[in-house]
Amino acid sequence: MLNPKINTMTITLDLPQELEQELSVEAGKISLSVPEYILQLLAVRKFLEGQLRTGAELVSYWQSEGLINSRPEIKDSQEYARQIRHAAEHRQHL
């Protein structure tokens, strides 16, 4: 994860209200402030631009962003994936 305290730059943007609301909603979904969310968006641009071409590059990128082992409460990732899959397969559709 990027450290916002190192080599920082402040940018002021005039955003359309609709875009500001969209960013706020998306940030809230993952419990981030809007500035933190925008920083995350900028941090993943390498991935979105296709600069990561191999699995090893992707894993290295995830490690540098602090995504590997970022959920210490999940002790068994395969069992957790099974639980998520089961919940998705058995959810009630409206």
N, C-alpha and C. Protein backbone atom coordinates (compact mmCIF):
# COMPACT_ATOMS: atom_id res chain seq x y z
N MET A 1 0.85 -1.18 0.00
CA MET A 1 0.00 0.00 0.00
C MET A 1 0.89 1.23 0.00
N LEU A 2 0.45 2.23 -0.71
CA LEU A 2 1.23 3.45 -0.78
C LEU A 2 1.19 4.20 0.54
N ASN A 3 2.30 4.81 0.89
CA ASN A 3 2.36 5.61 2.10
C ASN A 3 2.15 7.06 1.72
N PRO A 4 0.98 7.63 2.04
CA PRO A 4 0.69 9.01 1.62
C PRO A 4 1.54 10.05 2.32
N LYS A 5 2.32 9.68 3.33
CA LYS A 5 3.15 10.63 4.07
C LYS A 5 4.49 10.88 3.39
N ILE A 6 4.85 10.04 2.44
CA ILE A 6 6.16 10.15 1.79
C ILE A 6 5.98 10.81 0.42
N ASN A 7 6.77 11.85 0.17
CA ASN A 7 6.74 12.54 -1.12
C ASN A 7 5.32 12.87 -1.55
N THR A 8 4.62 13.61 -0.76
CA THR A 8 3.23 13.92 -1.08
C THR A 8 3.10 15.16 -1.95
N MET A 9 1.98 15.21 -2.66
CA MET A 9 1.62 16.35 -3.47
C MET A 9 0.13 16.58 -3.26
N THR A 10 -0.26 17.80 -3.04
CA THR A 10 -1.67 18.13 -2.86
C THR A 10 -2.24 18.62 -4.18
N ILE A 11 -3.40 18.07 -4.54
CA ILE A 11 -4.08 18.46 -5.77
C ILE A 11 -5.51 18.83 -5.42
N THR A 12 -5.97 19.96 -5.93
CA THR A 12 -7.35 20.36 -5.76
C THR A 12 -8.07 20.19 -7.10
N LEU A 13 -9.18 19.47 -7.07
CA LEU A 13 -9.95 19.22 -8.29
C LEU A 13 -11.35 19.77 -8.17
N ASP A 14 -11.85 20.34 -9.25
CA ASP A 14 -13.25 20.74 -9.32
C ASP A 14 -13.97 19.62 -10.06
N LEU A 15 -14.66 18.78 -9.30
CA LEU A 15 -15.35 17.64 -9.88
C LEU A 15 -16.84 17.94 -10.03
N PRO A 16 -17.44 17.42 -11.08
CA PRO A 16 -18.89 17.51 -11.17
C PRO A 16 -19.51 16.79 -9.96
N GLN A 17 -20.61 17.30 -9.46
CA GLN A 17 -21.23 16.75 -8.26
C GLN A 17 -21.54 15.26 -8.43
N GLU A 18 -21.97 14.86 -9.61
CA GLU A 18 -22.29 13.44 -9.85
C GLU A 18 -21.05 12.55 -9.67
N LEU A 19 -19.92 12.99 -10.19
CA LEU A 19 -18.68 12.22 -10.04
C LEU A 19 -18.24 12.19 -8.59
N GLU A 20 -18.36 13.31 -7.90
CA GLU A 20 -18.01 13.36 -6.48
C GLU A 20 -18.86 12.38 -5.68
N GLN A 21 -20.14 12.33 -5.96
CA GLN A 21 -21.03 11.40 -5.25
C GLN A 21 -20.67 9.96 -5.57
N GLU A 22 -20.36 9.69 -6.84
CA GLU A 22 -19.98 8.33 -7.24
C GLU A 22 -18.71 7.89 -6.53
N LEU A 23 -17.72 8.76 -6.47
CA LEU A 23 -16.49 8.44 -5.76
C LEU A 23 -16.75 8.21 -4.28
N SER A 24 -17.60 9.02 -3.69
CA SER A 24 -17.93 8.88 -2.28
C SER A 24 -18.61 7.55 -1.99
N VAL A 25 -19.54 7.17 -2.85
CA VAL A 25 -20.25 5.88 -2.66
C VAL A 25 -19.27 4.72 -2.79
N GLU A 26 -18.45 4.75 -3.84
CA GLU A 26 -17.49 3.67 -4.05
C GLU A 26 -16.48 3.59 -2.90
N ALA A 27 -16.01 4.72 -2.43
CA ALA A 27 -15.07 4.74 -1.31
C ALA A 27 -15.72 4.18 -0.05
N GLY A 28 -16.98 4.56 0.18
CA GLY A 28 -17.70 4.08 1.36
C GLY A 28 -17.89 2.58 1.35
N LYS A 29 -18.03 1.99 0.17
CA LYS A 29 -18.21 0.54 0.07
C LYS A 29 -17.01 -0.23 0.62
N ILE A 30 -15.84 0.38 0.55
CA ILE A 30 -14.64 -0.30 1.05
C ILE A 30 -14.03 0.46 2.24
N SER A 31 -14.86 1.25 2.89
CA SER A 31 -14.48 1.95 4.13
C SER A 31 -13.25 2.84 3.97
N LEU A 32 -13.18 3.57 2.88
CA LEU A 32 -12.08 4.52 2.65
C LEU A 32 -12.66 5.91 2.51
N SER A 33 -11.85 6.90 2.80
CA SER A 33 -12.23 8.28 2.50
C SER A 33 -12.09 8.47 0.99
N VAL A 34 -12.66 9.52 0.46
CA VAL A 34 -12.54 9.77 -0.98
C VAL A 34 -11.07 9.96 -1.38
N PRO A 35 -10.27 10.75 -0.64
CA PRO A 35 -8.86 10.87 -1.03
C PRO A 35 -8.11 9.52 -1.00
N GLU A 36 -8.40 8.69 0.01
CA GLU A 36 -7.75 7.37 0.07
C GLU A 36 -8.18 6.51 -1.12
N TYR A 37 -9.46 6.59 -1.47
CA TYR A 37 -9.98 5.81 -2.59
C TYR A 37 -9.33 6.25 -3.91
N ILE A 38 -9.21 7.56 -4.11
CA ILE A 38 -8.58 8.06 -5.32
C ILE A 38 -7.12 7.61 -5.38
N LEU A 39 -6.44 7.63 -4.24
CA LEU A 39 -5.06 7.16 -4.19
C LEU A 39 -4.98 5.68 -4.59
N GLN A 40 -5.93 4.88 -4.12
CA GLN A 40 -5.97 3.46 -4.50
C GLN A 40 -6.20 3.31 -6.00
N LEU A 41 -7.10 4.11 -6.57
CA LEU A 41 -7.35 4.05 -8.01
C LEU A 41 -6.08 4.35 -8.79
N LEU A 42 -5.35 5.36 -8.35
CA LEU A 42 -4.11 5.69 -9.03
C LEU A 42 -3.07 4.59 -8.86
N ALA A 43 -3.07 3.95 -7.71
CA ALA A 43 -2.09 2.89 -7.44
C ALA A 43 -2.31 1.67 -8.32
N VAL A 44 -3.53 1.40 -8.72
CA VAL A 44 -3.80 0.20 -9.52
C VAL A 44 -3.75 0.46 -11.01
N ARG A 45 -3.38 1.64 -11.40
CA ARG A 45 -3.37 1.97 -12.82
C ARG A 45 -2.45 1.06 -13.64
N LYS A 46 -1.34 0.59 -13.06
CA LYS A 46 -0.44 -0.32 -13.78
C LYS A 46 -1.19 -1.57 -14.21
N PHE A 47 -1.98 -2.08 -13.29
CA PHE A 47 -2.75 -3.28 -13.58
C PHE A 47 -3.79 -2.98 -14.65
N LEU A 48 -4.49 -1.87 -14.52
CA LEU A 48 -5.55 -1.52 -15.46
C LEU A 48 -5.01 -1.20 -16.84
N GLU A 49 -3.80 -0.70 -16.91
CA GLU A 49 -3.19 -0.36 -18.20
C GLU A 49 -2.52 -1.57 -18.85
N GLY A 50 -2.56 -2.72 -18.20
CA GLY A 50 -2.00 -3.93 -18.77
C GLY A 50 -0.50 -4.02 -18.68
N GLN A 51 0.13 -3.30 -17.77
CA GLN A 51 1.58 -3.36 -17.63
C GLN A 51 2.04 -4.60 -16.90
N LEU A 52 1.12 -5.28 -16.24
CA LEU A 52 1.46 -6.52 -15.55
C LEU A 52 1.09 -7.66 -16.48
N ARG A 53 2.10 -8.37 -16.99
CA ARG A 53 1.85 -9.34 -18.05
C ARG A 53 1.91 -10.80 -17.58
N THR A 54 2.52 -11.05 -16.45
CA THR A 54 2.64 -12.44 -15.99
C THR A 54 2.04 -12.57 -14.59
N GLY A 55 1.77 -13.80 -14.20
CA GLY A 55 1.27 -14.06 -12.86
C GLY A 55 2.26 -13.59 -11.80
N ALA A 56 3.54 -13.81 -12.06
CA ALA A 56 4.57 -13.39 -11.10
C ALA A 56 4.58 -11.87 -10.93
N GLU A 57 4.40 -11.13 -12.02
CA GLU A 57 4.34 -9.67 -11.92
C GLU A 57 3.11 -9.23 -11.13
N LEU A 58 2.00 -9.92 -11.33
CA LEU A 58 0.77 -9.60 -10.61
C LEU A 58 0.93 -9.87 -9.12
N VAL A 59 1.48 -11.01 -8.77
CA VAL A 59 1.69 -11.34 -7.36
C VAL A 59 2.66 -10.35 -6.73
N SER A 60 3.72 -10.01 -7.43
CA SER A 60 4.68 -9.03 -6.92
C SER A 60 4.00 -7.68 -6.68
N TYR A 61 3.15 -7.29 -7.62
CA TYR A 61 2.40 -6.03 -7.47
C TYR A 61 1.48 -6.10 -6.27
N TRP A 62 0.74 -7.19 -6.13
CA TRP A 62 -0.17 -7.35 -4.98
C TRP A 62 0.61 -7.27 -3.67
N GLN A 63 1.79 -7.90 -3.63
CA GLN A 63 2.61 -7.85 -2.41
C GLN A 63 3.05 -6.42 -2.13
N SER A 64 3.46 -5.70 -3.15
CA SER A 64 3.92 -4.32 -2.94
C SER A 64 2.79 -3.40 -2.47
N GLU A 65 1.55 -3.76 -2.82
CA GLU A 65 0.39 -2.96 -2.41
C GLU A 65 -0.21 -3.44 -1.09
N GLY A 66 0.38 -4.47 -0.50
CA GLY A 66 -0.10 -4.97 0.78
C GLY A 66 -1.37 -5.79 0.70
N LEU A 67 -1.66 -6.35 -0.47
CA LEU A 67 -2.89 -7.13 -0.63
C LEU A 67 -2.73 -8.59 -0.24
N ILE A 68 -1.53 -9.11 -0.33
CA ILE A 68 -1.27 -10.49 0.07
C ILE A 68 -1.30 -10.54 1.59
N ASN A 69 -2.07 -11.46 2.12
CA ASN A 69 -2.25 -11.63 3.58
C ASN A 69 -2.85 -10.38 4.23
N SER A 70 -3.69 -9.68 3.49
CA SER A 70 -4.31 -8.47 4.04
C SER A 70 -5.54 -8.77 4.88
N ARG A 71 -5.94 -10.03 4.94
CA ARG A 71 -7.11 -10.42 5.72
C ARG A 71 -6.69 -11.46 6.76
N PRO A 72 -6.01 -11.04 7.84
CA PRO A 72 -5.49 -11.99 8.82
C PRO A 72 -6.58 -12.78 9.54
N GLU A 73 -7.83 -12.29 9.50
CA GLU A 73 -8.91 -13.04 10.15
C GLU A 73 -9.30 -14.29 9.36
N ILE A 74 -8.86 -14.40 8.11
CA ILE A 74 -9.14 -15.58 7.30
C ILE A 74 -7.97 -16.54 7.48
N LYS A 75 -8.21 -17.60 8.23
CA LYS A 75 -7.14 -18.56 8.52
C LYS A 75 -6.95 -19.58 7.40
N ASP A 76 -8.06 -20.00 6.76
CA ASP A 76 -8.01 -21.00 5.70
C ASP A 76 -8.70 -20.42 4.47
N SER A 77 -7.92 -19.93 3.52
CA SER A 77 -8.49 -19.22 2.38
C SER A 77 -9.35 -20.13 1.50
N GLN A 78 -8.99 -21.39 1.38
CA GLN A 78 -9.79 -22.30 0.57
C GLN A 78 -11.16 -22.56 1.21
N GLU A 79 -11.16 -22.73 2.52
CA GLU A 79 -12.44 -22.93 3.22
C GLU A 79 -13.28 -21.66 3.14
N TYR A 80 -12.66 -20.52 3.26
CA TYR A 80 -13.38 -19.25 3.15
C TYR A 80 -14.00 -19.12 1.76
N ALA A 81 -13.25 -19.48 0.72
CA ALA A 81 -13.76 -19.44 -0.65
C ALA A 81 -14.95 -20.38 -0.80
N ARG A 82 -14.88 -21.56 -0.19
CA ARG A 82 -16.01 -22.50 -0.24
C ARG A 82 -17.24 -21.90 0.42
N GLN A 83 -17.05 -21.23 1.56
CA GLN A 83 -18.17 -20.60 2.26
C GLN A 83 -18.82 -19.51 1.41
N ILE A 84 -17.99 -18.70 0.77
CA ILE A 84 -18.51 -17.64 -0.09
C ILE A 84 -19.29 -18.25 -1.26
N ARG A 85 -18.70 -19.28 -1.88
CA ARG A 85 -19.36 -19.93 -3.00
C ARG A 85 -20.70 -20.52 -2.57
N HIS A 86 -20.71 -21.20 -1.43
CA HIS A 86 -21.95 -21.80 -0.91
C HIS A 86 -23.01 -20.72 -0.67
N ALA A 87 -22.60 -19.62 -0.06
CA ALA A 87 -23.54 -18.53 0.21
C ALA A 87 -24.10 -17.96 -1.09
N ALA A 88 -23.24 -17.82 -2.11
CA ALA A 88 -23.69 -17.29 -3.39
C ALA A 88 -24.65 -18.25 -4.09
N GLU A 89 -24.36 -19.53 -4.00
CA GLU A 89 -25.21 -20.54 -4.65
C GLU A 89 -26.57 -20.68 -3.98
N HIS A 90 -26.65 -20.34 -2.70
CA HIS A 90 -27.88 -20.55 -1.95
C HIS A 90 -28.59 -19.26 -1.53
N ARG A 91 -28.18 -18.15 -2.10
CA ARG A 91 -28.84 -16.89 -1.74
C ARG A 91 -30.23 -16.83 -2.37
N GLN A 92 -31.07 -16.09 -1.74
CA GLN A 92 -32.44 -15.90 -2.21
C GLN A 92 -32.47 -14.77 -3.22
N HIS A 93 -33.05 -15.02 -4.37
CA HIS A 93 -33.20 -13.97 -5.38
C HIS A 93 -34.53 -13.28 -5.18
N LEU A 94 -34.51 -11.96 -5.30
CA LEU A 94 -35.74 -11.19 -5.13
C LEU A 94 -36.62 -11.26 -6.34
